[in-house]
Amino acid sequence: MTAAVYHLNNSLLVELRDLRNAADNSYVNTATVAVSIKDAAGTNLAGATWPVSLGYVAGSNGLYQGVVASTLGVSVGDVVTVYITATATGLDGEWVNHLEVKQRYG
């Protein structure tokens, strides 16, 4: 499994891009979109109130964004799972990604 990186103690910008209706390929700009992040046991991480809403970015085509606070209860080396859900009239979608927690040096 290849995981993206989350740097410890940083806010996390979560995006869902190009949300489209699978039937006609049109952009969906009126969905309810949310994110939850869970540990290896499938438990929501401490440090945020889940789910976090992702808002539609005005003037975009199917772009939704939200920020998860930097206070997540994770440690360096953890791999967490990001669940994004989208619901619109007659449409449902779910995406799953993994993040590896690392310390940012610089």
PDB file of N, CA and C in Angstrom:
ATOM      1  N   MET A   1       0.843  -1.175   0.000  1.00  0.00           N
ATOM      2  CA  MET A   1       0.000   0.000   0.000  1.00  0.00           C
ATOM      3  C   MET A   1       0.890   1.240   0.000  1.00  0.00           C
ATOM      4  N   THR A   2       0.594   2.160  -0.869  1.00  0.00           N
ATOM      5  CA  THR A   2       1.287   3.440  -0.893  1.00  0.00           C
ATOM      6  C   THR A   2       0.384   4.476  -0.250  1.00  0.00           C
ATOM      7  N   ALA A   3       0.927   5.185   0.713  1.00  0.00           N
ATOM      8  CA  ALA A   3       0.134   6.184   1.431  1.00  0.00           C
ATOM      9  C   ALA A   3       0.692   7.569   1.156  1.00  0.00           C
ATOM     10  N   ALA A   4      -0.206   8.537   1.069  1.00  0.00           N
ATOM     11  CA  ALA A   4       0.216   9.927   1.023  1.00  0.00           C
ATOM     12  C   ALA A   4       0.725  10.293   2.409  1.00  0.00           C
ATOM     13  N   VAL A   5       1.269  11.474   2.544  1.00  0.00           N
ATOM     14  CA  VAL A   5       1.886  11.882   3.812  1.00  0.00           C
ATOM     15  C   VAL A   5       1.067  12.981   4.481  1.00  0.00           C
ATOM     16  N   TYR A   6       0.892  12.840   5.793  1.00  0.00           N
ATOM     17  CA  TYR A   6       0.337  13.891   6.641  1.00  0.00           C
ATOM     18  C   TYR A   6       1.429  14.260   7.629  1.00  0.00           C
ATOM     19  N   HIS A   7       1.786  15.528   7.673  1.00  0.00           N
ATOM     20  CA  HIS A   7       2.826  15.977   8.600  1.00  0.00           C
ATOM     21  C   HIS A   7       2.188  16.338   9.936  1.00  0.00           C
ATOM     22  N   LEU A   8       2.727  15.738  10.981  1.00  0.00           N
ATOM     23  CA  LEU A   8       2.231  15.894  12.337  1.00  0.00           C
ATOM     24  C   LEU A   8       2.052  17.372  12.700  1.00  0.00           C
ATOM     25  N   ASN A   9       0.958  17.677  13.373  1.00  0.00           N
ATOM     26  CA  ASN A   9       0.643  19.019  13.886  1.00  0.00           C
ATOM     27  C   ASN A   9       0.407  20.063  12.804  1.00  0.00           C
ATOM     28  N   ASN A  10      -0.005  19.632  11.631  1.00  0.00           N
ATOM     29  CA  ASN A  10      -0.363  20.549  10.554  1.00  0.00           C
ATOM     30  C   ASN A  10      -1.850  20.424  10.269  1.00  0.00           C
ATOM     31  N   SER A  11      -2.483  21.522   9.901  1.00  0.00           N
ATOM     32  CA  SER A  11      -3.853  21.442   9.402  1.00  0.00           C
ATOM     33  C   SER A  11      -3.819  20.679   8.084  1.00  0.00           C
ATOM     34  N   LEU A  12      -4.933  20.067   7.748  1.00  0.00           N
ATOM     35  CA  LEU A  12      -5.000  19.238   6.549  1.00  0.00           C
ATOM     36  C   LEU A  12      -6.114  19.750   5.650  1.00  0.00           C
ATOM     37  N   LEU A  13      -5.748  20.201   4.451  1.00  0.00           N
ATOM     38  CA  LEU A  13      -6.738  20.597   3.454  1.00  0.00           C
ATOM     39  C   LEU A  13      -7.173  19.347   2.716  1.00  0.00           C
ATOM     40  N   VAL A  14      -8.459  19.044   2.778  1.00  0.00           N
ATOM     41  CA  VAL A  14      -9.007  17.882   2.088  1.00  0.00           C
ATOM     42  C   VAL A  14      -9.810  18.386   0.900  1.00  0.00           C
ATOM     43  N   GLU A  15      -9.568  17.786  -0.263  1.00  0.00           N
ATOM     44  CA  GLU A  15     -10.278  18.174  -1.476  1.00  0.00           C
ATOM     45  C   GLU A  15     -10.893  16.960  -2.159  1.00  0.00           C
ATOM     46  N   LEU A  16     -12.071  17.176  -2.717  1.00  0.00           N
ATOM     47  CA  LEU A  16     -12.672  16.243  -3.651  1.00  0.00           C
ATOM     48  C   LEU A  16     -12.803  17.032  -4.942  1.00  0.00           C
ATOM     49  N   ARG A  17     -12.115  16.565  -5.980  1.00  0.00           N
ATOM     50  CA  ARG A  17     -12.081  17.311  -7.242  1.00  0.00           C
ATOM     51  C   ARG A  17     -12.919  16.631  -8.316  1.00  0.00           C
ATOM     52  N   ASP A  18     -13.478  17.452  -9.181  1.00  0.00           N
ATOM     53  CA  ASP A  18     -14.178  16.974 -10.379  1.00  0.00           C
ATOM     54  C   ASP A  18     -15.308  15.997 -10.063  1.00  0.00           C
ATOM     55  N   LEU A  19     -16.119  16.307  -9.054  1.00  0.00           N
ATOM     56  CA  LEU A  19     -17.251  15.447  -8.743  1.00  0.00           C
ATOM     57  C   LEU A  19     -18.229  15.502  -9.916  1.00  0.00           C
ATOM     58  N   ARG A  20     -18.527  14.312 -10.456  1.00  0.00           N
ATOM     59  CA  ARG A  20     -19.382  14.230 -11.642  1.00  0.00           C
ATOM     60  C   ARG A  20     -20.461  13.175 -11.471  1.00  0.00           C
ATOM     61  N   ASN A  21     -21.529  13.362 -12.216  1.00  0.00           N
ATOM     62  CA  ASN A  21     -22.600  12.391 -12.314  1.00  0.00           C
ATOM     63  C   ASN A  21     -22.144  11.311 -13.290  1.00  0.00           C
ATOM     64  N   ALA A  22     -22.087  10.069 -12.841  1.00  0.00           N
ATOM     65  CA  ALA A  22     -21.601   8.975 -13.688  1.00  0.00           C
ATOM     66  C   ALA A  22     -22.507   8.727 -14.889  1.00  0.00           C
ATOM     67  N   ALA A  23     -23.780   9.072 -14.783  1.00  0.00           N
ATOM     68  CA  ALA A  23     -24.714   8.807 -15.879  1.00  0.00           C
ATOM     69  C   ALA A  23     -24.512   9.725 -17.076  1.00  0.00           C
ATOM     70  N   ASP A  24     -24.224  11.012 -16.819  1.00  0.00           N
ATOM     71  CA  ASP A  24     -24.111  11.946 -17.941  1.00  0.00           C
ATOM     72  C   ASP A  24     -22.823  12.759 -17.930  1.00  0.00           C
ATOM     73  N   ASN A  25     -21.927  12.477 -16.992  1.00  0.00           N
ATOM     74  CA  ASN A  25     -20.611  13.125 -16.867  1.00  0.00           C
ATOM     75  C   ASN A  25     -20.686  14.615 -16.536  1.00  0.00           C
ATOM     76  N   SER A  26     -21.854  15.095 -16.104  1.00  0.00           N
ATOM     77  CA  SER A  26     -21.976  16.506 -15.731  1.00  0.00           C
ATOM     78  C   SER A  26     -21.387  16.715 -14.337  1.00  0.00           C
ATOM     79  N   TYR A  27     -20.871  17.925 -14.102  1.00  0.00           N
ATOM     80  CA  TYR A  27     -20.347  18.247 -12.778  1.00  0.00           C
ATOM     81  C   TYR A  27     -21.477  18.314 -11.762  1.00  0.00           C
ATOM     82  N   VAL A  28     -21.188  17.882 -10.546  1.00  0.00           N
ATOM     83  CA  VAL A  28     -22.144  17.968  -9.447  1.00  0.00           C
ATOM     84  C   VAL A  28     -21.631  19.049  -8.510  1.00  0.00           C
ATOM     85  N   ASN A  29     -22.377  20.145  -8.428  1.00  0.00           N
ATOM     86  CA  ASN A  29     -21.968  21.292  -7.621  1.00  0.00           C
ATOM     87  C   ASN A  29     -22.876  21.530  -6.421  1.00  0.00           C
ATOM     88  N   THR A  30     -23.782  20.606  -6.166  1.00  0.00           N
ATOM     89  CA  THR A  30     -24.758  20.783  -5.083  1.00  0.00           C
ATOM     90  C   THR A  30     -24.782  19.591  -4.128  1.00  0.00           C
ATOM     91  N   ALA A  31     -23.704  18.872  -4.012  1.00  0.00           N
ATOM     92  CA  ALA A  31     -23.652  17.681  -3.160  1.00  0.00           C
ATOM     93  C   ALA A  31     -23.373  18.054  -1.706  1.00  0.00           C
ATOM     94  N   THR A  32     -23.684  17.129  -0.830  1.00  0.00           N
ATOM     95  CA  THR A  32     -23.247  17.183   0.558  1.00  0.00           C
ATOM     96  C   THR A  32     -22.024  16.282   0.636  1.00  0.00           C
ATOM     97  N   VAL A  33     -20.871  16.868   0.982  1.00  0.00           N
ATOM     98  CA  VAL A  33     -19.603  16.135   0.969  1.00  0.00           C
ATOM     99  C   VAL A  33     -18.975  16.240   2.358  1.00  0.00           C
ATOM    100  N   ALA A  34     -18.452  15.130   2.848  1.00  0.00           N
ATOM    101  CA  ALA A  34     -17.867  15.111   4.184  1.00  0.00           C
ATOM    102  C   ALA A  34     -16.673  14.165   4.226  1.00  0.00           C
ATOM    103  N   VAL A  35     -15.806  14.384   5.211  1.00  0.00           N
ATOM    104  CA  VAL A  35     -14.632  13.541   5.410  1.00  0.00           C
ATOM    105  C   VAL A  35     -14.582  13.077   6.864  1.00  0.00           C
ATOM    106  N   SER A  36     -14.138  11.838   7.041  1.00  0.00           N
ATOM    107  CA  SER A  36     -13.813  11.291   8.361  1.00  0.00           C
ATOM    108  C   SER A  36     -12.458  10.624   8.244  1.00  0.00           C
ATOM    109  N   ILE A  37     -11.675  10.672   9.317  1.00  0.00           N
ATOM    110  CA  ILE A  37     -10.360  10.021   9.323  1.00  0.00           C
ATOM    111  C   ILE A  37     -10.328   9.066  10.495  1.00  0.00           C
ATOM    112  N   LYS A  38      -9.942   7.814  10.198  1.00  0.00           N
ATOM    113  CA  LYS A  38      -9.984   6.750  11.199  1.00  0.00           C
ATOM    114  C   LYS A  38      -8.600   6.124  11.389  1.00  0.00           C
ATOM    115  N   ASP A  39      -8.389   5.590  12.589  1.00  0.00           N
ATOM    116  CA  ASP A  39      -7.135   4.892  12.879  1.00  0.00           C
ATOM    117  C   ASP A  39      -7.201   3.465  12.325  1.00  0.00           C
ATOM    118  N   ALA A  40      -6.159   2.679  12.576  1.00  0.00           N
ATOM    119  CA  ALA A  40      -6.071   1.319  12.055  1.00  0.00           C
ATOM    120  C   ALA A  40      -7.186   0.417  12.573  1.00  0.00           C
ATOM    121  N   ALA A  41      -7.743   0.743  13.735  1.00  0.00           N
ATOM    122  CA  ALA A  41      -8.833  -0.051  14.313  1.00  0.00           C
ATOM    123  C   ALA A  41     -10.198   0.371  13.773  1.00  0.00           C
ATOM    124  N   GLY A  42     -10.227   1.422  12.927  1.00  0.00           N
ATOM    125  CA  GLY A  42     -11.486   1.900  12.371  1.00  0.00           C
ATOM    126  C   GLY A  42     -12.215   2.890  13.245  1.00  0.00           C
ATOM    127  N   THR A  43     -11.527   3.456  14.220  1.00  0.00           N
ATOM    128  CA  THR A  43     -12.109   4.433  15.140  1.00  0.00           C
ATOM    129  C   THR A  43     -11.786   5.847  14.664  1.00  0.00           C
ATOM    130  N   ASN A  44     -12.784   6.729  14.714  1.00  0.00           N
ATOM    131  CA  ASN A  44     -12.524   8.130  14.357  1.00  0.00           C
ATOM    132  C   ASN A  44     -11.401   8.686  15.212  1.00  0.00           C
ATOM    133  N   LEU A  45     -10.506   9.443  14.601  1.00  0.00           N
ATOM    134  CA  LEU A  45      -9.397  10.047  15.335  1.00  0.00           C
ATOM    135  C   LEU A  45      -9.905  11.093  16.318  1.00  0.00           C
ATOM    136  N   ALA A  46      -9.257  11.158  17.466  1.00  0.00           N
ATOM    137  CA  ALA A  46      -9.526  12.227  18.421  1.00  0.00           C
ATOM    138  C   ALA A  46      -8.976  13.532  17.855  1.00  0.00           C
ATOM    139  N   GLY A  47      -9.503  14.645  18.322  1.00  0.00           N
ATOM    140  CA  GLY A  47      -8.977  15.942  17.936  1.00  0.00           C
ATOM    141  C   GLY A  47      -9.806  16.687  16.917  1.00  0.00           C
ATOM    142  N   ALA A  48     -10.898  16.082  16.446  1.00  0.00           N
ATOM    143  CA  ALA A  48     -11.805  16.753  15.513  1.00  0.00           C
ATOM    144  C   ALA A  48     -13.206  16.219  15.757  1.00  0.00           C
ATOM    145  N   THR A  49     -14.197  16.970  15.322  1.00  0.00           N
ATOM    146  CA  THR A  49     -15.579  16.528  15.374  1.00  0.00           C
ATOM    147  C   THR A  49     -15.936  16.012  13.984  1.00  0.00           C
ATOM    148  N   TRP A  50     -16.228  14.730  13.903  1.00  0.00           N
ATOM    149  CA  TRP A  50     -16.461  14.071  12.611  1.00  0.00           C
ATOM    150  C   TRP A  50     -17.947  13.906  12.338  1.00  0.00           C
ATOM    151  N   PRO A  51     -18.329  13.912  11.066  1.00  0.00           N
ATOM    152  CA  PRO A  51     -17.490  14.215   9.911  1.00  0.00           C
ATOM    153  C   PRO A  51     -17.274  15.712   9.758  1.00  0.00           C
ATOM    154  N   VAL A  52     -16.216  16.064   9.035  1.00  0.00           N
ATOM    155  CA  VAL A  52     -15.931  17.450   8.682  1.00  0.00           C
ATOM    156  C   VAL A  52     -16.524  17.700   7.295  1.00  0.00           C
ATOM    157  N   SER A  53     -17.303  18.764   7.160  1.00  0.00           N
ATOM    158  CA  SER A  53     -17.935  19.084   5.876  1.00  0.00           C
ATOM    159  C   SER A  53     -16.921  19.670   4.896  1.00  0.00           C
ATOM    160  N   LEU A  54     -17.084  19.286   3.650  1.00  0.00           N
ATOM    161  CA  LEU A  54     -16.325  19.904   2.565  1.00  0.00           C
ATOM    162  C   LEU A  54     -17.310  20.768   1.796  1.00  0.00           C
ATOM    163  N   GLY A  55     -16.986  22.034   1.635  1.00  0.00           N
ATOM    164  CA  GLY A  55     -17.875  22.957   0.951  1.00  0.00           C
ATOM    165  C   GLY A  55     -17.539  23.078  -0.522  1.00  0.00           C
ATOM    166  N   TYR A  56     -18.572  23.314  -1.315  1.00  0.00           N
ATOM    167  CA  TYR A  56     -18.381  23.553  -2.743  1.00  0.00           C
ATOM    168  C   TYR A  56     -17.628  24.868  -2.932  1.00  0.00           C
ATOM    169  N   VAL A  57     -16.630  24.874  -3.783  1.00  0.00           N
ATOM    170  CA  VAL A  57     -15.864  26.078  -4.101  1.00  0.00           C
ATOM    171  C   VAL A  57     -16.594  26.806  -5.220  1.00  0.00           C
ATOM    172  N   ALA A  58     -17.139  27.976  -4.894  1.00  0.00           N
ATOM    173  CA  ALA A  58     -17.952  28.743  -5.837  1.00  0.00           C
ATOM    174  C   ALA A  58     -17.222  28.970  -7.155  1.00  0.00           C
ATOM    175  N   GLY A  59     -17.954  28.751  -8.239  1.00  0.00           N
ATOM    176  CA  GLY A  59     -17.406  28.992  -9.567  1.00  0.00           C
ATOM    177  C   GLY A  59     -16.552  27.852 -10.104  1.00  0.00           C
ATOM    178  N   SER A  60     -16.375  26.813  -9.327  1.00  0.00           N
ATOM    179  CA  SER A  60     -15.571  25.670  -9.785  1.00  0.00           C
ATOM    180  C   SER A  60     -16.480  24.647 -10.454  1.00  0.00           C
ATOM    181  N   ASN A  61     -15.881  23.625 -10.964  1.00  0.00           N
ATOM    182  CA  ASN A  61     -16.626  22.500 -11.508  1.00  0.00           C
ATOM    183  C   ASN A  61     -16.381  21.294 -10.628  1.00  0.00           C
ATOM    184  N   GLY A  62     -17.306  21.041  -9.690  1.00  0.00           N
ATOM    185  CA  GLY A  62     -17.235  19.853  -8.856  1.00  0.00           C
ATOM    186  C   GLY A  62     -16.104  19.820  -7.853  1.00  0.00           C
ATOM    187  N   LEU A  63     -15.617  20.975  -7.404  1.00  0.00           N
ATOM    188  CA  LEU A  63     -14.535  21.033  -6.415  1.00  0.00           C
ATOM    189  C   LEU A  63     -15.107  21.342  -5.040  1.00  0.00           C
ATOM    190  N   TYR A  64     -14.742  20.496  -4.064  1.00  0.00           N
ATOM    191  CA  TYR A  64     -15.165  20.655  -2.675  1.00  0.00           C
ATOM    192  C   TYR A  64     -13.925  20.654  -1.805  1.00  0.00           C
ATOM    193  N   GLN A  65     -13.900  21.527  -0.775  1.00  0.00           N
ATOM    194  CA  GLN A  65     -12.744  21.643   0.111  1.00  0.00           C
ATOM    195  C   GLN A  65     -13.191  21.792   1.567  1.00  0.00           C
ATOM    196  N   GLY A  66     -12.325  21.309   2.453  1.00  0.00           N
ATOM    197  CA  GLY A  66     -12.527  21.496   3.882  1.00  0.00           C
ATOM    198  C   GLY A  66     -11.193  21.351   4.594  1.00  0.00           C
ATOM    199  N   VAL A  67     -11.111  21.904   5.796  1.00  0.00           N
ATOM    200  CA  VAL A  67      -9.867  21.857   6.566  1.00  0.00           C
ATOM    201  C   VAL A  67     -10.096  21.054   7.836  1.00  0.00           C
ATOM    202  N   VAL A  68      -9.188  20.106   8.073  1.00  0.00           N
ATOM    203  CA  VAL A  68      -9.183  19.325   9.308  1.00  0.00           C
ATOM    204  C   VAL A  68      -8.136  19.947  10.214  1.00  0.00           C
ATOM    205  N   ALA A  69      -8.492  20.165  11.460  1.00  0.00           N
ATOM    206  CA  ALA A  69      -7.620  20.833  12.428  1.00  0.00           C
ATOM    207  C   ALA A  69      -6.306  20.084  12.629  1.00  0.00           C
ATOM    208  N   SER A  70      -5.321  20.800  13.115  1.00  0.00           N
ATOM    209  CA  SER A  70      -3.980  20.246  13.336  1.00  0.00           C
ATOM    210  C   SER A  70      -3.884  19.436  14.623  1.00  0.00           C
ATOM    211  N   THR A  71      -4.998  19.262  15.311  1.00  0.00           N
ATOM    212  CA  THR A  71      -4.998  18.633  16.636  1.00  0.00           C
ATOM    213  C   THR A  71      -5.326  17.146  16.607  1.00  0.00           C
ATOM    214  N   LEU A  72      -5.149  16.492  15.481  1.00  0.00           N
ATOM    215  CA  LEU A  72      -5.504  15.080  15.369  1.00  0.00           C
ATOM    216  C   LEU A  72      -4.678  14.224  16.318  1.00  0.00           C
ATOM    217  N   GLY A  73      -5.312  13.215  16.882  1.00  0.00           N
ATOM    218  CA  GLY A  73      -4.653  12.309  17.820  1.00  0.00           C
ATOM    219  C   GLY A  73      -3.892  11.212  17.089  1.00  0.00           C
ATOM    220  N   VAL A  74      -2.758  11.579  16.499  1.00  0.00           N
ATOM    221  CA  VAL A  74      -1.929  10.631  15.762  1.00  0.00           C
ATOM    222  C   VAL A  74      -0.488  10.744  16.214  1.00  0.00           C
ATOM    223  N   SER A  75       0.288   9.738  15.864  1.00  0.00           N
ATOM    224  CA  SER A  75       1.718   9.722  16.172  1.00  0.00           C
ATOM    225  C   SER A  75       2.499   9.436  14.897  1.00  0.00           C
ATOM    226  N   VAL A  76       3.755   9.849  14.887  1.00  0.00           N
ATOM    227  CA  VAL A  76       4.623   9.573  13.749  1.00  0.00           C
ATOM    228  C   VAL A  76       4.650   8.068  13.504  1.00  0.00           C
ATOM    229  N   GLY A  77       4.482   7.685  12.260  1.00  0.00           N
ATOM    230  CA  GLY A  77       4.478   6.279  11.868  1.00  0.00           C
ATOM    231  C   GLY A  77       3.093   5.684  11.700  1.00  0.00           C
ATOM    232  N   ASP A  78       2.077   6.343  12.264  1.00  0.00           N
ATOM    233  CA  ASP A  78       0.710   5.851  12.087  1.00  0.00           C
ATOM    234  C   ASP A  78       0.313   5.941  10.618  1.00  0.00           C
ATOM    235  N   VAL A  79      -0.522   5.026  10.188  1.00  0.00           N
ATOM    236  CA  VAL A  79      -1.175   5.123   8.883  1.00  0.00           C
ATOM    237  C   VAL A  79      -2.668   5.198   9.178  1.00  0.00           C
ATOM    238  N   VAL A  80      -3.299   6.263   8.704  1.00  0.00           N
ATOM    239  CA  VAL A  80      -4.718   6.494   8.956  1.00  0.00           C
ATOM    240  C   VAL A  80      -5.476   6.416   7.636  1.00  0.00           C
ATOM    241  N   THR A  81      -6.779   6.206   7.745  1.00  0.00           N
ATOM    242  CA  THR A  81      -7.609   6.061   6.558  1.00  0.00           C
ATOM    243  C   THR A  81      -8.567   7.240   6.463  1.00  0.00           C
ATOM    244  N   VAL A  82      -8.614   7.849   5.295  1.00  0.00           N
ATOM    245  CA  VAL A  82      -9.460   9.000   5.013  1.00  0.00           C
ATOM    246  C   VAL A  82     -10.660   8.520   4.196  1.00  0.00           C
ATOM    247  N   TYR A  83     -11.847   8.797   4.718  1.00  0.00           N
ATOM    248  CA  TYR A  83     -13.080   8.437   4.025  1.00  0.00           C
ATOM    249  C   TYR A  83     -13.790   9.719   3.602  1.00  0.00           C
ATOM    250  N   ILE A  84     -14.052   9.854   2.317  1.00  0.00           N
ATOM    251  CA  ILE A  84     -14.814  10.988   1.795  1.00  0.00           C
ATOM    252  C   ILE A  84     -16.119  10.440   1.231  1.00  0.00           C
ATOM    253  N   THR A  85     -17.233  11.056   1.630  1.00  0.00           N
ATOM    254  CA  THR A  85     -18.530  10.664   1.098  1.00  0.00           C
ATOM    255  C   THR A  85     -19.190  11.858   0.427  1.00  0.00           C
ATOM    256  N   ALA A  86     -19.925  11.585  -0.634  1.00  0.00           N
ATOM    257  CA  ALA A  86     -20.668  12.625  -1.339  1.00  0.00           C
ATOM    258  C   ALA A  86     -22.069  12.099  -1.626  1.00  0.00           C
ATOM    259  N   THR A  87     -23.054  12.964  -1.371  1.00  0.00           N
ATOM    260  CA  THR A  87     -24.443  12.614  -1.627  1.00  0.00           C
ATOM    261  C   THR A  87     -25.105  13.782  -2.345  1.00  0.00           C
ATOM    262  N   ALA A  88     -25.779  13.470  -3.424  1.00  0.00           N
ATOM    263  CA  ALA A  88     -26.591  14.446  -4.148  1.00  0.00           C
ATOM    264  C   ALA A  88     -27.883  13.718  -4.511  1.00  0.00           C
ATOM    265  N   THR A  89     -28.850  14.409  -5.019  1.00  0.00           N
ATOM    266  CA  THR A  89     -30.135  13.799  -5.341  1.00  0.00           C
ATOM    267  C   THR A  89     -29.933  12.581  -6.240  1.00  0.00           C
ATOM    268  N   GLY A  90     -30.220  11.409  -5.685  1.00  0.00           N
ATOM    269  CA  GLY A  90     -30.114  10.172  -6.443  1.00  0.00           C
ATOM    270  C   GLY A  90     -28.700   9.663  -6.662  1.00  0.00           C
ATOM    271  N   LEU A  91     -27.708  10.298  -6.052  1.00  0.00           N
ATOM    272  CA  LEU A  91     -26.311   9.921  -6.267  1.00  0.00           C
ATOM    273  C   LEU A  91     -25.600   9.757  -4.937  1.00  0.00           C
ATOM    274  N   ASP A  92     -24.735   8.760  -4.846  1.00  0.00           N
ATOM    275  CA  ASP A  92     -23.904   8.548  -3.664  1.00  0.00           C
ATOM    276  C   ASP A  92     -22.520   8.116  -4.121  1.00  0.00           C
ATOM    277  N   GLY A  93     -21.489   8.557  -3.404  1.00  0.00           N
ATOM    278  CA  GLY A  93     -20.133   8.131  -3.714  1.00  0.00           C
ATOM    279  C   GLY A  93     -19.293   8.077  -2.462  1.00  0.00           C
ATOM    280  N   GLU A  94     -18.262   7.226  -2.492  1.00  0.00           N
ATOM    281  CA  GLU A  94     -17.329   7.141  -1.374  1.00  0.00           C
ATOM    282  C   GLU A  94     -15.932   6.884  -1.919  1.00  0.00           C
ATOM    283  N   TRP A  95     -14.951   7.572  -1.318  1.00  0.00           N
ATOM    284  CA  TRP A  95     -13.551   7.429  -1.697  1.00  0.00           C
ATOM    285  C   TRP A  95     -12.752   7.156  -0.435  1.00  0.00           C
ATOM    286  N   VAL A  96     -11.733   6.315  -0.565  1.00  0.00           N
ATOM    287  CA  VAL A  96     -10.899   5.944   0.570  1.00  0.00           C
ATOM    288  C   VAL A  96      -9.438   6.152   0.188  1.00  0.00           C
ATOM    289  N   ASN A  97      -8.700   6.819   1.069  1.00  0.00           N
ATOM    290  CA  ASN A  97      -7.270   7.041   0.883  1.00  0.00           C
ATOM    291  C   ASN A  97      -6.551   6.778   2.200  1.00  0.00           C
ATOM    292  N   HIS A  98      -5.247   6.597   2.126  1.00  0.00           N
ATOM    293  CA  HIS A  98      -4.443   6.357   3.318  1.00  0.00           C
ATOM    294  C   HIS A  98      -3.405   7.459   3.461  1.00  0.00           C
ATOM    295  N   LEU A  99      -3.146   7.858   4.691  1.00  0.00           N
ATOM    296  CA  LEU A  99      -2.134   8.864   4.996  1.00  0.00           C
ATOM    297  C   LEU A  99      -1.153   8.280   6.017  1.00  0.00           C
ATOM    298  N   GLU A 100       0.125   8.453   5.749  1.00  0.00           N
ATOM    299  CA  GLU A 100       1.151   8.077   6.711  1.00  0.00           C
ATOM    300  C   GLU A 100       1.566   9.323   7.460  1.00  0.00           C
ATOM    301  N   VAL A 101       1.614   9.238   8.773  1.00  0.00           N
ATOM    302  CA  VAL A 101       1.969  10.385   9.602  1.00  0.00           C
ATOM    303  C   VAL A 101       3.479  10.462   9.732  1.00  0.00           C
ATOM    304  N   LYS A 102       4.029  11.624   9.378  1.00  0.00           N
ATOM    305  CA  LYS A 102       5.473  11.846   9.473  1.00  0.00           C
ATOM    306  C   LYS A 102       5.736  13.159  10.201  1.00  0.00           C
ATOM    307  N   GLN A 103       6.933  13.268  10.728  1.00  0.00           N
ATOM    308  CA  GLN A 103       7.368  14.514  11.360  1.00  0.00           C
ATOM    309  C   GLN A 103       7.938  15.415  10.274  1.00  0.00           C
ATOM    310  N   ARG A 104       7.563  16.655  10.302  1.00  0.00           N
ATOM    311  CA  ARG A 104       8.078  17.591   9.303  1.00  0.00           C
ATOM    312  C   ARG A 104       9.348  18.226   9.845  1.00  0.00           C
ATOM    313  N   TYR A 105      10.407  18.112   9.083  1.00  0.00           N
ATOM    314  CA  TYR A 105      11.694  18.731   9.446  1.00  0.00           C
ATOM    315  C   TYR A 105      11.991  19.798   8.421  1.00  0.00           C
ATOM    316  N   GLY A 106      12.613  20.834   8.822  1.00  0.00           N
ATOM    317  CA  GLY A 106      12.906  21.766   7.784  1.00  0.00           C
ATOM    318  C   GLY A 106      13.535  22.981   8.182  1.00  0.00           C
TER     319      GLY A 106
END
